[in-house]
Protein backbone atom coordinates (compact mmCIF):
# COMPACT_ATOMS: atom_id res chain seq x y z
CA MET A 1 8.71 -46.66 38.66
CA ALA A 2 10.60 -47.55 35.49
CA ILE A 3 7.42 -47.26 33.46
CA ILE A 4 6.81 -43.71 34.72
CA GLY A 5 10.41 -42.77 33.88
CA LEU A 6 10.06 -44.19 30.35
CA TYR A 7 6.75 -42.36 29.97
CA VAL A 8 8.31 -39.02 31.01
CA ILE A 9 11.29 -39.54 28.70
CA GLY A 10 8.97 -40.53 25.82
CA VAL A 11 6.83 -37.42 26.32
CA ALA A 12 9.95 -35.22 26.49
CA VAL A 13 11.27 -36.72 23.23
CA LEU A 14 7.88 -36.26 21.56
CA VAL A 15 7.70 -32.61 22.68
CA ALA A 16 11.25 -32.01 21.43
CA LEU A 17 10.40 -33.51 18.04
CA ILE A 18 7.26 -31.37 17.70
CA PHE A 19 9.20 -28.28 18.77
CA ALA A 20 11.95 -28.99 16.19
CA LEU A 21 9.36 -29.53 13.44
CA VAL A 22 7.58 -26.27 14.23
CA TRP A 23 10.92 -24.44 14.51
CA PHE A 24 12.02 -25.58 11.03
CA VAL A 25 8.65 -24.99 9.38
CA PHE A 26 7.80 -21.57 10.84
CA GLY A 27 11.24 -20.15 11.46
CA ARG A 28 13.31 -19.48 14.49
CA GLY A 29 11.37 -16.45 15.69
CA GLU A 30 13.83 -13.79 14.56
CA ASP A 31 12.55 -10.26 14.78
CA LEU A 32 12.61 -8.23 11.59
CA PRO A 33 14.64 -5.06 11.80
CA PRO A 34 12.51 -1.94 12.28
CA ILE A 35 11.68 0.17 9.22
CA GLU A 36 13.98 3.16 8.96
CA SER A 37 12.54 6.52 9.94
CA GLY A 38 11.11 8.35 6.94
CA THR A 39 10.45 5.13 5.01
CA THR A 40 6.92 4.43 3.86
CA LEU A 41 5.13 1.46 2.39
CA THR A 42 2.67 3.75 0.59
CA ARG A 43 3.13 3.40 -3.17
CA LEU A 44 1.84 5.29 -6.22
CA PRO A 45 3.08 5.04 -9.81
CA ARG A 46 5.38 7.80 -11.08
CA ALA A 47 2.83 8.92 -13.69
CA GLY A 48 -0.56 7.88 -14.98
CA ILE A 49 -2.21 7.48 -11.60
CA GLY A 50 -5.55 5.76 -11.99
CA GLY A 51 -8.59 5.43 -9.79
CA ASP A 52 -7.61 1.91 -8.74
CA ASP A 53 -4.19 3.21 -7.62
CA VAL A 54 -5.89 5.75 -5.36
CA ARG A 55 -8.42 3.23 -4.06
CA GLY A 56 -5.57 0.84 -3.24
CA LEU A 57 -3.61 3.34 -1.13
CA VAL A 58 -2.69 2.03 2.30
CA PHE A 59 -1.24 4.32 4.95
CA ALA A 60 0.65 3.22 8.04
CA GLN A 61 -1.32 3.86 11.18
CA SER A 62 0.05 5.74 14.10
CA PHE A 63 -1.22 6.37 17.61
CA ARG A 64 -3.99 8.79 16.58
CA GLY A 65 -4.70 7.79 12.97
CA TYR A 66 -2.52 7.83 9.90
CA ARG A 67 0.98 9.23 9.55
CA ALA A 68 0.55 12.77 8.30
CA VAL A 69 3.75 12.63 6.24
CA GLU A 70 2.44 9.72 4.16
CA VAL A 71 -0.96 11.32 3.61
CA ASP A 72 0.61 14.66 2.66
CA TRP A 73 2.94 12.90 0.20
CA ALA A 74 0.04 11.05 -1.47
CA LEU A 75 -2.11 14.16 -1.68
CA GLU A 76 0.74 16.19 -3.18
CA LYS A 77 1.40 13.49 -5.79
CA LEU A 78 -2.30 13.35 -6.69
CA ALA A 79 -2.48 17.16 -6.88
CA ARG A 80 0.48 17.26 -9.27
CA GLU A 81 -1.11 14.58 -11.46
CA ILE A 82 -4.40 16.50 -11.57
CA ASP A 83 -2.57 19.74 -12.44
CA GLU A 84 -0.72 18.00 -15.28
CA LEU A 85 -3.95 16.53 -16.65
CA ARG A 86 -5.71 19.90 -16.45
CA ASP A 87 -2.80 21.53 -18.30
CA VAL A 88 -3.11 18.94 -21.06
CA VAL A 89 -6.87 19.47 -21.27
CA HIS A 90 -6.38 23.24 -21.35
CA GLU A 91 -3.71 22.92 -24.06
CA LEU A 92 -5.88 20.64 -26.19
CA SER A 93 -8.89 22.93 -25.72
CA GLY A 94 -6.75 25.85 -26.87
CA ARG A 95 -5.81 23.93 -30.02
CA ASP A 96 -9.49 23.28 -30.76
CA VAL A 97 -10.24 27.00 -30.49
CA ALA A 98 -7.27 27.88 -32.70
CA ASP A 99 -8.22 25.26 -35.32
CA THR A 100 -11.94 26.00 -35.56
CA GLY A 101 -12.25 29.45 -34.09
CA ALA A 102 -15.11 28.21 -31.92
CA MET A 103 -15.36 27.83 -28.19
CA PRO A 104 -14.70 24.28 -27.05
CA THR A 105 -17.53 22.32 -25.52
CA VAL A 106 -17.24 19.64 -22.93
CA ARG A 107 -19.86 16.99 -22.31
CA VAL A 108 -20.51 16.13 -18.72
CA HIS A 109 -22.09 12.79 -17.91
CA GLU A 110 -24.06 12.68 -14.69
CA THR A 111 -24.00 9.46 -12.74
CA ASP A 112 -26.24 8.35 -9.93
CA ASP A 113 -24.29 7.36 -6.84
């Protein structure tokens, strides 16, 4: 009977040691506070948005897809960037016309997808 008691105590001590080791290594299981409403993890640079920035976009998922607010924000930011770039192109094209008096030409490269 004493052997069974020592065995049970030994197993209990071993389980407690393993539990303590796992507790210290992986944390105590605290829950992170929830993200505040209106906060997003979607990120884009303030200016100079590149193709890799757009390809790397990640939206939080909701019950039926992505959060519309995040997608609308990203699309608006991209639209503003495109508008700014088109304004620069238009301004530079206008300078070419003023400098040479000729109509500007733009080369378009076709790519096979």
